[in-house]
Full PDB file with SEQRES, HELIX, SHEET, SSBOND, CRYST1, ORIGX, SCALE, CONECT and MASTER records, all heavy atoms in Angstrom:
SEQRES   1 A   35  ALA ASP LEU PHE PHE HIS LEU ASN VAL TRP ALA PHE GLU          
SEQRES   2 A   35  SER ILE ALA ASN ILE THR ILE ASN MET ARG LEU GLY LEU          
SEQRES   3 A   35  LEU ASN GLU ASN ASN LYS ASP LYS ASN                          
HELIX    1 AA1 LEU A    3  THR A   19  1                                  17    
CRYST1    1.000    1.000    1.000  90.00  90.00  90.00 P 1           1          
ORIGX1      1.000000  0.000000  0.000000        0.00000                         
ORIGX2      0.000000  1.000000  0.000000        0.00000                         
ORIGX3      0.000000  0.000000  1.000000        0.00000                         
SCALE1      1.000000  0.000000  0.000000        0.00000                         
SCALE2      0.000000  1.000000  0.000000        0.00000                         
SCALE3      0.000000  0.000000  1.000000        0.00000                         
ATOM      1  N   ALA A   1     112.899 121.121 135.932  1.00  0.00           N  
ATOM      2  CA  ALA A   1     114.169 120.399 135.839  1.00  0.00           C  
ATOM      3  C   ALA A   1     114.970 120.822 134.618  1.00  0.00           C  
ATOM      4  O   ALA A   1     116.201 120.710 134.596  1.00  0.00           O  
ATOM      5  CB  ALA A   1     113.913 118.891 135.812  1.00  0.00           C  
ATOM      6  N   ASP A   2     114.269 121.329 133.595  1.00  0.00           N  
ATOM      7  CA  ASP A   2     114.978 121.782 132.389  1.00  0.00           C  
ATOM      8  C   ASP A   2     115.318 123.267 132.473  1.00  0.00           C  
ATOM      9  O   ASP A   2     115.227 124.008 131.484  1.00  0.00           O  
ATOM     10  CB  ASP A   2     114.156 121.485 131.135  1.00  0.00           C  
ATOM     11  CG  ASP A   2     112.816 122.225 131.098  1.00  0.00           C  
ATOM     12  OD1 ASP A   2     112.399 122.741 132.152  1.00  0.00           O  
ATOM     13  OD2 ASP A   2     112.205 122.285 130.026  1.00  0.00           O  
ATOM     14  N   LEU A   3     115.735 123.695 133.646  1.00  0.00           N  
ATOM     15  CA  LEU A   3     116.115 125.102 133.865  1.00  0.00           C  
ATOM     16  C   LEU A   3     117.148 125.563 132.849  1.00  0.00           C  
ATOM     17  O   LEU A   3     117.112 126.705 132.388  1.00  0.00           O  
ATOM     18  CB  LEU A   3     116.658 125.276 135.286  1.00  0.00           C  
ATOM     19  CG  LEU A   3     117.280 126.639 135.624  1.00  0.00           C  
ATOM     20  CD1 LEU A   3     116.260 127.758 135.468  1.00  0.00           C  
ATOM     21  CD2 LEU A   3     117.864 126.625 137.039  1.00  0.00           C  
ATOM     22  N   PHE A   4     118.083 124.675 132.496  1.00  0.00           N  
ATOM     23  CA  PHE A   4     119.140 125.095 131.589  1.00  0.00           C  
ATOM     24  C   PHE A   4     118.582 125.448 130.208  1.00  0.00           C  
ATOM     25  O   PHE A   4     119.068 126.387 129.558  1.00  0.00           O  
ATOM     26  CB  PHE A   4     120.215 124.017 131.466  1.00  0.00           C  
ATOM     27  CG  PHE A   4     121.475 124.500 130.796  1.00  0.00           C  
ATOM     28  CD1 PHE A   4     122.204 125.543 131.342  1.00  0.00           C  
ATOM     29  CD2 PHE A   4     121.927 123.936 129.621  1.00  0.00           C  
ATOM     30  CE1 PHE A   4     123.363 126.008 130.736  1.00  0.00           C  
ATOM     31  CE2 PHE A   4     123.078 124.386 129.007  1.00  0.00           C  
ATOM     32  CZ  PHE A   4     123.799 125.419 129.559  1.00  0.00           C  
ATOM     33  N   PHE A   5     117.556 124.732 129.766  1.00  0.00           N  
ATOM     34  CA  PHE A   5     116.919 125.087 128.497  1.00  0.00           C  
ATOM     35  C   PHE A   5     116.341 126.498 128.573  1.00  0.00           C  
ATOM     36  O   PHE A   5     116.497 127.305 127.646  1.00  0.00           O  
ATOM     37  CB  PHE A   5     115.813 124.087 128.145  1.00  0.00           C  
ATOM     38  CG  PHE A   5     114.905 124.571 127.043  1.00  0.00           C  
ATOM     39  CD1 PHE A   5     115.315 124.532 125.722  1.00  0.00           C  
ATOM     40  CD2 PHE A   5     113.655 125.104 127.332  1.00  0.00           C  
ATOM     41  CE1 PHE A   5     114.491 125.012 124.705  1.00  0.00           C  
ATOM     42  CE2 PHE A   5     112.823 125.576 126.324  1.00  0.00           C  
ATOM     43  CZ  PHE A   5     113.245 125.521 125.006  1.00  0.00           C  
ATOM     44  N   HIS A   6     115.684 126.809 129.670  1.00  0.00           N  
ATOM     45  CA  HIS A   6     115.090 128.140 129.819  1.00  0.00           C  
ATOM     46  C   HIS A   6     116.172 129.226 129.866  1.00  0.00           C  
ATOM     47  O   HIS A   6     115.970 130.332 129.346  1.00  0.00           O  
ATOM     48  CB  HIS A   6     114.223 128.181 131.072  1.00  0.00           C  
ATOM     49  CG  HIS A   6     113.015 127.302 130.981  1.00  0.00           C  
ATOM     50  ND1 HIS A   6     111.915 127.605 130.207  1.00  0.00           N  
ATOM     51  CD2 HIS A   6     112.739 126.096 131.550  1.00  0.00           C  
ATOM     52  CE1 HIS A   6     111.015 126.647 130.301  1.00  0.00           C  
ATOM     53  NE2 HIS A   6     111.480 125.724 131.119  1.00  0.00           N  
ATOM     54  N   LEU A   7     117.304 128.904 130.464  1.00  0.00           N  
ATOM     55  CA  LEU A   7     118.425 129.851 130.463  1.00  0.00           C  
ATOM     56  C   LEU A   7     118.970 130.028 129.045  1.00  0.00           C  
ATOM     57  O   LEU A   7     119.391 131.132 128.664  1.00  0.00           O  
ATOM     58  CB  LEU A   7     119.527 129.373 131.406  1.00  0.00           C  
ATOM     59  CG  LEU A   7     119.251 129.563 132.898  1.00  0.00           C  
ATOM     60  CD1 LEU A   7     120.285 128.805 133.736  1.00  0.00           C  
ATOM     61  CD2 LEU A   7     119.249 131.040 133.285  1.00  0.00           C  
ATOM     62  N   ASN A   8     118.977 128.953 128.262  1.00  0.00           N  
ATOM     63  CA  ASN A   8     119.384 129.065 126.857  1.00  0.00           C  
ATOM     64  C   ASN A   8     118.485 130.037 126.105  1.00  0.00           C  
ATOM     65  O   ASN A   8     118.956 130.869 125.317  1.00  0.00           O  
ATOM     66  CB  ASN A   8     119.303 127.693 126.174  1.00  0.00           C  
ATOM     67  CG  ASN A   8     120.487 126.796 126.456  1.00  0.00           C  
ATOM     68  OD1 ASN A   8     120.489 125.646 126.048  1.00  0.00           O  
ATOM     69  ND2 ASN A   8     121.483 127.302 127.154  1.00  0.00           N  
ATOM     70  N   VAL A   9     117.188 129.928 126.342  1.00  0.00           N  
ATOM     71  CA  VAL A   9     116.236 130.810 125.676  1.00  0.00           C  
ATOM     72  C   VAL A   9     116.467 132.262 126.093  1.00  0.00           C  
ATOM     73  O   VAL A   9     116.468 133.174 125.256  1.00  0.00           O  
ATOM     74  CB  VAL A   9     114.791 130.380 125.991  1.00  0.00           C  
ATOM     75  CG1 VAL A   9     113.786 131.390 125.419  1.00  0.00           C  
ATOM     76  CG2 VAL A   9     114.511 128.983 125.426  1.00  0.00           C  
ATOM     77  N   TRP A  10     116.692 132.470 127.401  1.00  0.00           N  
ATOM     78  CA  TRP A  10     117.004 133.829 127.883  1.00  0.00           C  
ATOM     79  C   TRP A  10     118.256 134.374 127.196  1.00  0.00           C  
ATOM     80  O   TRP A  10     118.277 135.535 126.746  1.00  0.00           O  
ATOM     81  CB  TRP A  10     117.217 133.803 129.400  1.00  0.00           C  
ATOM     82  CG  TRP A  10     118.030 134.954 129.890  1.00  0.00           C  
ATOM     83  CD1 TRP A  10     117.611 136.233 130.099  1.00  0.00           C  
ATOM     84  CD2 TRP A  10     119.441 134.945 130.186  1.00  0.00           C  
ATOM     85  NE1 TRP A  10     118.672 137.022 130.515  1.00  0.00           N  
ATOM     86  CE2 TRP A  10     119.793 136.251 130.576  1.00  0.00           C  
ATOM     87  CE3 TRP A  10     120.420 133.945 130.174  1.00  0.00           C  
ATOM     88  CZ2 TRP A  10     121.105 136.587 130.938  1.00  0.00           C  
ATOM     89  CZ3 TRP A  10     121.721 134.284 130.532  1.00  0.00           C  
ATOM     90  CH2 TRP A  10     122.043 135.586 130.907  1.00  0.00           C  
ATOM     91  N   ALA A  11     119.314 133.541 127.111  1.00  0.00           N  
ATOM     92  CA  ALA A  11     120.563 133.994 126.507  1.00  0.00           C  
ATOM     93  C   ALA A  11     120.369 134.320 125.031  1.00  0.00           C  
ATOM     94  O   ALA A  11     120.882 135.333 124.527  1.00  0.00           O  
ATOM     95  CB  ALA A  11     121.651 132.933 126.684  1.00  0.00           C  
ATOM     96  N   PHE A  12     119.617 133.471 124.326  1.00  0.00           N  
ATOM     97  CA  PHE A  12     119.384 133.713 122.903  1.00  0.00           C  
ATOM     98  C   PHE A  12     118.619 135.019 122.706  1.00  0.00           C  
ATOM     99  O   PHE A  12     118.958 135.833 121.830  1.00  0.00           O  
ATOM    100  CB  PHE A  12     118.594 132.547 122.301  1.00  0.00           C  
ATOM    101  CG  PHE A  12     118.705 132.440 120.807  1.00  0.00           C  
ATOM    102  CD1 PHE A  12     119.633 131.592 120.215  1.00  0.00           C  
ATOM    103  CD2 PHE A  12     117.886 133.200 119.975  1.00  0.00           C  
ATOM    104  CE1 PHE A  12     119.741 131.492 118.836  1.00  0.00           C  
ATOM    105  CE2 PHE A  12     117.993 133.110 118.598  1.00  0.00           C  
ATOM    106  CZ  PHE A  12     118.913 132.256 118.019  1.00  0.00           C  
ATOM    107  N   GLU A  13     117.599 135.239 123.518  1.00  0.00           N  
ATOM    108  CA  GLU A  13     116.814 136.481 123.427  1.00  0.00           C  
ATOM    109  C   GLU A  13     117.699 137.696 123.724  1.00  0.00           C  
ATOM    110  O   GLU A  13     117.592 138.737 123.049  1.00  0.00           O  
ATOM    111  CB  GLU A  13     115.635 136.430 124.400  1.00  0.00           C  
ATOM    112  CG  GLU A  13     114.730 137.640 124.374  1.00  0.00           C  
ATOM    113  CD  GLU A  13     113.684 137.593 123.271  1.00  0.00           C  
ATOM    114  OE1 GLU A  13     113.609 136.568 122.567  1.00  0.00           O  
ATOM    115  OE2 GLU A  13     112.954 138.576 123.107  1.00  0.00           O  
ATOM    116  N   SER A  14     118.579 137.582 124.725  1.00  0.00           N  
ATOM    117  CA  SER A  14     119.453 138.696 125.098  1.00  0.00           C  
ATOM    118  C   SER A  14     120.436 139.024 123.990  1.00  0.00           C  
ATOM    119  O   SER A  14     120.622 140.192 123.620  1.00  0.00           O  
ATOM    120  CB  SER A  14     120.219 138.354 126.378  1.00  0.00           C  
ATOM    121  OG  SER A  14     119.354 138.174 127.477  1.00  0.00           O  
ATOM    122  N   ILE A  15     121.082 137.996 123.448  1.00  0.00           N  
ATOM    123  CA  ILE A  15     122.104 138.219 122.421  1.00  0.00           C  
ATOM    124  C   ILE A  15     121.471 138.732 121.134  1.00  0.00           C  
ATOM    125  O   ILE A  15     122.021 139.601 120.450  1.00  0.00           O  
ATOM    126  CB  ILE A  15     122.902 136.928 122.169  1.00  0.00           C  
ATOM    127  CG1 ILE A  15     123.621 136.487 123.450  1.00  0.00           C  
ATOM    128  CG2 ILE A  15     123.933 137.135 121.062  1.00  0.00           C  
ATOM    129  CD1 ILE A  15     124.118 135.063 123.418  1.00  0.00           C  
ATOM    130  N   ALA A  16     120.290 138.191 120.795  1.00  0.00           N  
ATOM    131  CA  ALA A  16     119.595 138.673 119.607  1.00  0.00           C  
ATOM    132  C   ALA A  16     119.221 140.144 119.759  1.00  0.00           C  
ATOM    133  O   ALA A  16     119.267 140.914 118.789  1.00  0.00           O  
ATOM    134  CB  ALA A  16     118.346 137.828 119.355  1.00  0.00           C  
ATOM    135  N   ASN A  17     118.872 140.544 120.967  1.00  0.00           N  
ATOM    136  CA  ASN A  17     118.519 141.942 121.222  1.00  0.00           C  
ATOM    137  C   ASN A  17     119.701 142.863 120.947  1.00  0.00           C  
ATOM    138  O   ASN A  17     119.526 144.021 120.542  1.00  0.00           O  
ATOM    139  CB  ASN A  17     118.067 142.084 122.679  1.00  0.00           C  
ATOM    140  CG  ASN A  17     117.140 143.266 122.890  1.00  0.00           C  
ATOM    141  OD1 ASN A  17     116.711 143.910 121.936  1.00  0.00           O  
ATOM    142  ND2 ASN A  17     116.835 143.559 124.137  1.00  0.00           N  
ATOM    143  N   ILE A  18     120.906 142.333 121.132  1.00  0.00           N  
ATOM    144  CA  ILE A  18     122.121 143.117 120.890  1.00  0.00           C  
ATOM    145  C   ILE A  18     122.530 143.059 119.423  1.00  0.00           C  
ATOM    146  O   ILE A  18     122.717 144.085 118.770  1.00  0.00           O  
ATOM    147  CB  ILE A  18     123.276 142.605 121.777  1.00  0.00           C  
ATOM    148  CG1 ILE A  18     122.952 142.822 123.257  1.00  0.00           C  
ATOM    149  CG2 ILE A  18     124.587 143.306 121.402  1.00  0.00           C  
ATOM    150  CD1 ILE A  18     123.899 142.099 124.195  1.00  0.00           C  
ATOM    151  N   THR A  19     122.686 141.840 118.886  1.00  0.00           N  
ATOM    152  CA  THR A  19     123.275 141.686 117.553  1.00  0.00           C  
ATOM    153  C   THR A  19     122.279 141.855 116.416  1.00  0.00           C  
ATOM    154  O   THR A  19     122.673 142.152 115.286  1.00  0.00           O  
ATOM    155  CB  THR A  19     123.948 140.302 117.418  1.00  0.00           C  
ATOM    156  OG1 THR A  19     122.955 139.281 117.618  1.00  0.00           O  
ATOM    157  CG2 THR A  19     125.059 140.129 118.435  1.00  0.00           C  
ATOM    158  N   ILE A  20     120.982 141.644 116.694  1.00  0.00           N  
ATOM    159  CA  ILE A  20     119.971 141.756 115.640  1.00  0.00           C  
ATOM    160  C   ILE A  20     119.045 142.943 115.893  1.00  0.00           C  
ATOM    161  O   ILE A  20     118.232 143.313 115.059  1.00  0.00           O  
ATOM    162  CB  ILE A  20     119.176 140.435 115.531  1.00  0.00           C  
ATOM    163  CG1 ILE A  20     120.147 139.274 115.293  1.00  0.00           C  
ATOM    164  CG2 ILE A  20     118.182 140.465 114.390  1.00  0.00           C  
ATOM    165  CD1 ILE A  20     119.497 137.918 115.375  1.00  0.00           C  
ATOM    166  N   ASN A  21     119.169 143.550 117.072  1.00  0.00           N  
ATOM    167  CA  ASN A  21     118.435 144.767 117.412  1.00  0.00           C  
ATOM    168  C   ASN A  21     116.925 144.570 117.448  1.00  0.00           C  
ATOM    169  O   ASN A  21     116.162 145.431 117.023  1.00  0.00           O  
ATOM    170  CB  ASN A  21     118.780 145.904 116.438  1.00  0.00           C  
ATOM    171  CG  ASN A  21     118.391 147.264 116.994  1.00  0.00           C  
ATOM    172  OD1 ASN A  21     118.697 147.565 118.140  1.00  0.00           O  
ATOM    173  ND2 ASN A  21     117.722 148.075 116.191  1.00  0.00           N  
ATOM    174  N   MET A  22     116.496 143.408 117.958  1.00  0.00           N  
ATOM    175  CA  MET A  22     115.053 143.221 118.115  1.00  0.00           C  
ATOM    176  C   MET A  22     114.774 142.096 119.102  1.00  0.00           C  
ATOM    177  O   MET A  22     115.594 141.201 119.300  1.00  0.00           O  
ATOM    178  CB  MET A  22     114.382 142.919 116.772  1.00  0.00           C  
ATOM    179  CG  MET A  22     114.808 141.626 116.113  1.00  0.00           C  
ATOM    180  SD  MET A  22     113.933 141.403 114.543  1.00  0.00           S  
ATOM    181  CE  MET A  22     114.553 139.794 114.044  1.00  0.00           C  
ATOM    182  N   ARG A  23     113.618 142.179 119.744  1.00  0.00           N  
ATOM    183  CA  ARG A  23     113.133 141.117 120.609  1.00  0.00           C  
ATOM    184  C   ARG A  23     112.500 140.034 119.743  1.00  0.00           C  
ATOM    185  O   ARG A  23     111.714 140.320 118.851  1.00  0.00           O  
ATOM    186  CB  ARG A  23     112.119 141.652 121.614  1.00  0.00           C  
ATOM    187  CG  ARG A  23     112.679 142.586 122.676  1.00  0.00           C  
ATOM    188  CD  ARG A  23     113.599 141.880 123.655  1.00  0.00           C  
ATOM    189  NE  ARG A  23     112.950 140.768 124.341  1.00  0.00           N  
ATOM    190  CZ  ARG A  23     112.319 140.862 125.511  1.00  0.00           C  
ATOM    191  NH1 ARG A  23     112.249 142.033 126.128  1.00  0.00           N  
ATOM    192  NH2 ARG A  23     111.772 139.800 126.074  1.00  0.00           N  
ATOM    193  N   LEU A  24     112.828 138.791 120.030  1.00  0.00           N  
ATOM    194  CA  LEU A  24     112.276 137.676 119.274  1.00  0.00           C  
ATOM    195  C   LEU A  24     111.004 137.124 119.904  1.00  0.00           C  
ATOM    196  O   LEU A  24     110.313 136.312 119.299  1.00  0.00           O  
ATOM    197  CB  LEU A  24     113.322 136.558 119.152  1.00  0.00           C  
ATOM    198  CG  LEU A  24     114.639 136.931 118.461  1.00  0.00           C  
ATOM    199  CD1 LEU A  24     115.560 135.721 118.407  1.00  0.00           C  
ATOM    200  CD2 LEU A  24     114.377 137.462 117.061  1.00  0.00           C  
ATOM    201  N   GLY A  25     110.728 137.530 121.148  1.00  0.00           N  
ATOM    202  CA  GLY A  25     109.522 137.058 121.816  1.00  0.00           C  
ATOM    203  C   GLY A  25     109.632 135.642 122.344  1.00  0.00           C  
ATOM    204  O   GLY A  25     108.619 134.984 122.600  1.00  0.00           O  
ATOM    205  N   LEU A  26     110.850 135.163 122.547  1.00  0.00           N  
ATOM    206  CA  LEU A  26     111.043 133.780 122.995  1.00  0.00           C  
ATOM    207  C   LEU A  26     110.567 133.560 124.424  1.00  0.00           C  
ATOM    208  O   LEU A  26     110.281 132.426 124.820  1.00  0.00           O  
ATOM    209  CB  LEU A  26     112.526 133.392 122.894  1.00  0.00           C  
ATOM    210  CG  LEU A  26     113.186 133.572 121.522  1.00  0.00           C  
ATOM    211  CD1 LEU A  26     114.627 133.084 121.568  1.00  0.00           C  
ATOM    212  CD2 LEU A  26     112.409 132.830 120.446  1.00  0.00           C  
ATOM    213  N   LEU A  27     110.488 134.641 125.217  1.00  0.00           N  
ATOM    214  CA  LEU A  27     110.076 134.515 126.612  1.00  0.00           C  
ATOM    215  C   LEU A  27     108.588 134.759 126.792  1.00  0.00           C  
ATOM    216  O   LEU A  27     108.088 134.702 127.917  1.00  0.00           O  
ATOM    217  CB  LEU A  27     110.872 135.506 127.481  1.00  0.00           C  
ATOM    218  CG  LEU A  27     112.383 135.318 127.472  1.00  0.00           C  
ATOM    219  CD1 LEU A  27     113.070 136.431 128.256  1.00  0.00           C  
ATOM    220  CD2 LEU A  27     112.763 133.963 128.043  1.00  0.00           C  
ATOM    221  N   ASN A  28     107.905 134.990 125.699  1.00  0.00           N  
ATOM    222  CA  ASN A  28     106.459 135.219 125.751  1.00  0.00           C  
ATOM    223  C   ASN A  28     105.746 133.954 126.213  1.00  0.00           C  
ATOM    224  O   ASN A  28     106.003 132.859 125.711  1.00  0.00           O  
ATOM    225  CB  ASN A  28     105.960 135.625 124.358  1.00  0.00           C  
ATOM    226  CG  ASN A  28     104.526 136.105 124.373  1.00  0.00           C  
ATOM    227  OD1 ASN A  28     103.666 135.497 125.003  1.00  0.00           O  
ATOM    228  ND2 ASN A  28     104.269 137.199 123.665  1.00  0.00           N  
ATOM    229  N   GLU A  29     104.870 134.093 127.178  1.00  0.00           N  
ATOM    230  CA  GLU A  29     104.157 132.941 127.737  1.00  0.00           C  
ATOM    231  C   GLU A  29     103.368 132.186 126.668  1.00  0.00           C  
ATOM    232  O   GLU A  29     103.166 130.974 126.760  1.00  0.00           O  
ATOM    233  CB  GLU A  29     103.183 133.409 128.836  1.00  0.00           C  
ATOM    234  CG  GLU A  29     103.866 134.008 130.060  1.00  0.00           C  
ATOM    235  CD  GLU A  29     104.549 132.958 130.919  1.00  0.00           C  
ATOM    236  OE1 GLU A  29     104.264 131.764 130.738  1.00  0.00           O  
ATOM    237  OE2 GLU A  29     105.365 133.340 131.772  1.00  0.00           O  
ATOM    238  N   ASN A  30     102.931 132.888 125.642  1.00  0.00           N  
ATOM    239  CA  ASN A  30     102.107 132.262 124.609  1.00  0.00           C  
ATOM    240  C   ASN A  30     102.928 131.692 123.455  1.00  0.00           C  
ATOM    241  O   ASN A  30     102.359 131.152 122.499  1.00  0.00           O  
ATOM    242  CB  ASN A  30     101.101 133.285 124.054  1.00  0.00           C  
ATOM    243  CG  ASN A  30     100.162 133.789 125.138  1.00  0.00           C  
ATOM    244  OD1 ASN A  30      99.693 133.023 125.968  1.00  0.00           O  
ATOM    245  ND2 ASN A  30      99.891 135.100 125.121  1.00  0.00           N  
ATOM    246  N   ASN A  31     104.242 131.819 123.544  1.00  0.00           N  
ATOM    247  CA  ASN A  31     105.101 131.315 122.465  1.00  0.00           C  
ATOM    248  C   ASN A  31     105.299 129.815 122.635  1.00  0.00           C  
ATOM    249  O   ASN A  31     106.000 129.367 123.531  1.00  0.00           O  
ATOM    250  CB  ASN A  31     106.452 132.049 122.487  1.00  0.00           C  
ATOM    251  CG  ASN A  31     107.270 131.763 121.232  1.00  0.00           C  
ATOM    252  OD1 ASN A  31     107.182 130.696 120.645  1.00  0.00           O  
ATOM    253  ND2 ASN A  31     108.061 132.738 120.832  1.00  0.00           N  
ATOM    254  N   LYS A  32     104.666 129.039 121.782  1.00  0.00           N  
ATOM    255  CA  LYS A  32     104.767 127.576 121.833  1.00  0.00           C  
ATOM    256  C   LYS A  32     105.549 127.025 120.633  1.00  0.00           C  
ATOM    257  O   LYS A  32     105.391 125.880 120.242  1.00  0.00           O  
ATOM    258  CB  LYS A  32     103.367 126.942 121.856  1.00  0.00           C  
ATOM    259  CG  LYS A  32     102.439 127.493 122.933  1.00  0.00           C  
ATOM    260  CD  LYS A  32     102.944 127.192 124.339  1.00  0.00           C  
ATOM    261  CE  LYS A  32     101.944 127.701 125.383  1.00  0.00           C  
ATOM    262  NZ  LYS A  32     102.427 127.477 126.764  1.00  0.00           N  
ATOM    263  N   ASP A  33     106.376 127.862 120.058  1.00  0.00           N  
ATOM    264  CA  ASP A  33     107.095 127.499 118.840  1.00  0.00           C  
ATOM    265  C   ASP A  33     108.046 126.331 119.096  1.00  0.00           C  
ATOM    266  O   ASP A  33     109.022 126.454 119.836  1.00  0.00           O  
ATOM    267  CB  ASP A  33     107.878 128.720 118.328  1.00  0.00           C  
ATOM    268  CG  ASP A  33     108.453 128.495 116.939  1.00  0.00           C  
ATOM    269  OD1 ASP A  33     108.400 127.357 116.447  1.00  0.00           O  
ATOM    270  OD2 ASP A  33     108.957 129.469 116.358  1.00  0.00           O  
ATOM    271  N   LYS A  34     107.761 125.191 118.484  1.00  0.00           N  
ATOM    272  CA  LYS A  34     108.613 124.013 118.658  1.00  0.00           C  
ATOM    273  C   LYS A  34     109.990 124.203 118.031  1.00  0.00           C  
ATOM    274  O   LYS A  34     110.945 123.495 118.373  1.00  0.00           O  
ATOM    275  CB  LYS A  34     107.928 122.784 118.054  1.00  0.00           C  
ATOM    276  CG  LYS A  34     106.651 122.372 118.774  1.00  0.00           C  
ATOM    277  CD  LYS A  34     106.041 121.134 118.134  1.00  0.00           C  
ATOM    278  CE  LYS A  34     104.763 120.728 118.868  1.00  0.00           C  
ATOM    279  NZ  LYS A  34     104.131 119.535 118.245  1.00  0.00           N  
ATOM    280  N   ASN A  35     110.097 125.158 117.101  1.00  0.00           N  
ATOM    281  CA  ASN A  35     111.396 125.402 116.474  1.00  0.00           C  
ATOM    282  C   ASN A  35     112.424 125.926 117.468  1.00  0.00           C  
ATOM    283  O   ASN A  35     113.630 125.791 117.246  1.00  0.00           O  
ATOM    284  CB  ASN A  35     111.248 126.397 115.320  1.00  0.00           C  
ATOM    285  CG  ASN A  35     110.536 125.784 114.130  1.00  0.00           C  
ATOM    286  OD1 ASN A  35     110.708 124.599 113.854  1.00  0.00           O  
ATOM    287  ND2 ASN A  35     109.733 126.578 113.444  1.00  0.00           N  
TER     288      ASN A  35                                                      
MASTER        0    0    0    1    0    0    0    6  287    1    0    3          
END                                                                             
């Protein structure tokens, strides 16, 4: 039901890949970072 949150994470990872030139690992299955 929180699909929009997951889309936010995808967008953040995509934009960071462009503007910061690195993958943040936000889509990693093992990433449980509450931040």
